[in-house]
Protein backbone atom coordinates (compact mmCIF):
# COMPACT_ATOMS: atom_id res chain seq x y z
CA MET A 1 -173.67 -29.81 -48.95
CA GLY A 2 -170.79 -31.70 -50.54
CA LEU A 3 -167.74 -30.85 -50.34
CA LEU A 4 -167.35 -29.50 -53.45
CA ASP A 5 -170.75 -27.14 -53.03
CA PHE A 6 -168.91 -26.14 -49.54
CA LEU A 7 -165.63 -25.22 -51.40
CA PHE A 8 -167.39 -23.25 -54.77
CA GLY A 9 -170.91 -22.11 -53.90
CA ASN A 10 -174.43 -24.12 -55.30
CA LYS A 11 -173.46 -23.03 -58.83
CA THR A 12 -176.89 -24.01 -60.14
CA LYS A 13 -178.67 -22.00 -57.35
CA LYS A 14 -176.22 -19.04 -58.45
CA ILE A 15 -177.17 -19.24 -62.30
CA GLN A 16 -181.10 -19.31 -61.04
CA ASP A 17 -180.31 -16.19 -58.90
CA PHE A 18 -178.88 -14.51 -62.05
CA VAL A 19 -181.25 -15.30 -64.32
CA GLU A 20 -184.11 -14.85 -61.96
CA ARG A 21 -182.39 -11.51 -61.88
CA ASP A 22 -182.75 -10.69 -66.07
CA ALA A 23 -178.65 -11.47 -66.46
CA VAL A 24 -177.35 -11.84 -70.12
CA ILE A 25 -175.60 -14.71 -71.29
CA LEU A 26 -172.02 -13.88 -72.51
CA ASP A 27 -170.29 -16.47 -74.74
CA VAL A 28 -166.39 -15.71 -74.83
CA ARG A 29 -165.80 -18.86 -77.71
CA SER A 30 -164.80 -17.62 -80.57
CA LYS A 31 -166.67 -16.44 -84.01
CA GLY A 32 -166.82 -20.58 -85.30
CA GLU A 33 -167.59 -21.62 -82.28
CA TYR A 34 -170.29 -20.04 -81.42
CA GLU A 35 -171.65 -19.99 -84.90
CA SER A 36 -171.53 -23.92 -84.40
CA GLY A 37 -173.78 -23.85 -81.65
CA ALA A 38 -174.65 -21.52 -78.78
CA ILE A 39 -177.52 -20.80 -76.26
CA PRO A 40 -180.30 -19.19 -77.74
CA GLY A 41 -180.10 -15.34 -76.72
CA SER A 42 -176.93 -15.10 -75.33
CA LYS A 43 -174.90 -12.28 -76.71
CA HIS A 44 -171.16 -12.88 -78.10
CA ILE A 45 -167.57 -11.34 -77.35
CA PRO A 46 -164.53 -13.25 -78.01
CA LEU A 47 -162.20 -13.33 -74.81
CA GLN A 48 -159.98 -11.45 -76.46
CA GLN A 49 -162.36 -8.48 -77.08
CA VAL A 50 -163.95 -8.26 -73.83
CA GLY A 51 -162.05 -5.78 -72.29
CA ASN A 52 -162.33 -3.36 -75.06
CA ASN A 53 -166.36 -3.80 -74.46
CA ILE A 54 -166.61 -2.96 -71.31
CA SER A 55 -168.72 0.31 -71.42
CA GLU A 56 -170.88 -1.29 -73.83
CA ILE A 57 -171.25 -4.65 -71.46
CA LYS A 58 -172.08 -2.03 -68.68
CA LYS A 59 -174.99 -0.11 -71.08
CA TRP A 60 -176.69 -3.58 -70.14
CA ASN A 61 -177.19 -2.79 -66.79
CA LYS A 62 -177.65 -6.47 -65.63
CA PRO A 63 -175.52 -9.18 -64.19
CA VAL A 64 -173.35 -11.52 -66.89
CA ILE A 65 -173.00 -15.54 -66.97
CA THR A 66 -170.03 -16.09 -68.90
CA CYS A 67 -169.18 -19.22 -70.79
CA CYS A 68 -166.97 -20.88 -73.14
CA ALA A 69 -166.28 -24.26 -74.20
CA SER A 70 -165.12 -25.85 -70.63
CA GLY A 71 -164.79 -22.61 -68.70
CA MET A 72 -161.52 -21.39 -68.93
CA ARG A 73 -162.33 -18.37 -71.19
CA SER A 74 -165.40 -17.66 -69.41
CA GLY A 75 -163.47 -17.53 -65.83
CA SER A 76 -161.26 -15.22 -67.41
CA ALA A 77 -164.19 -13.38 -68.71
CA ALA A 78 -165.73 -12.88 -65.38
CA ALA A 79 -162.66 -11.85 -63.70
CA ILE A 80 -162.10 -9.29 -66.00
CA LEU A 81 -165.85 -8.00 -65.82
CA LYS A 82 -165.86 -8.42 -62.29
CA SER A 83 -162.54 -6.11 -61.50
CA ASN A 84 -164.31 -3.09 -63.83
CA GLY A 85 -167.43 -3.36 -61.52
CA ILE A 86 -169.82 -5.34 -63.27
CA GLU A 87 -171.62 -8.14 -61.47
CA ALA A 88 -170.58 -11.33 -63.28
CA MET A 89 -170.70 -15.51 -62.71
CA ASN A 90 -168.67 -17.81 -64.62
CA GLY A 91 -171.38 -20.61 -66.24
CA GLY A 92 -168.35 -22.69 -67.42
CA GLY A 93 -169.09 -24.70 -70.75
CA TRP A 94 -171.93 -23.60 -72.47
CA SER A 95 -173.46 -27.10 -73.29
CA SER A 96 -173.86 -28.00 -69.53
CA LEU A 97 -174.74 -24.24 -68.82
CA TYR A 98 -177.70 -24.60 -71.51
CA GLN A 99 -178.84 -28.00 -69.16
CA LYS A 100 -178.91 -25.54 -65.86
CA LEU A 101 -181.24 -22.92 -67.09
């Protein structure tokens, strides 16, 4: 186990755990970014609208892996979801997350 795994946990293992439990991939980039390329089957709600869509996200009744371009916005989105009782994790940048799926 490397130092980063020790400090932050093994993200790949956590992603696999979420995927095995039928997690929803939530892309929080802008509409234009999402339309220029995204993980197939992912759902799209821009970060600014995540808070307004909590009841809809709760209806999914599944864990959520957030993603964006670099991991900054998805980190904010995951925090918003967690603070509203939704099991969520920051998957980071969508292209690197896609490679881990």
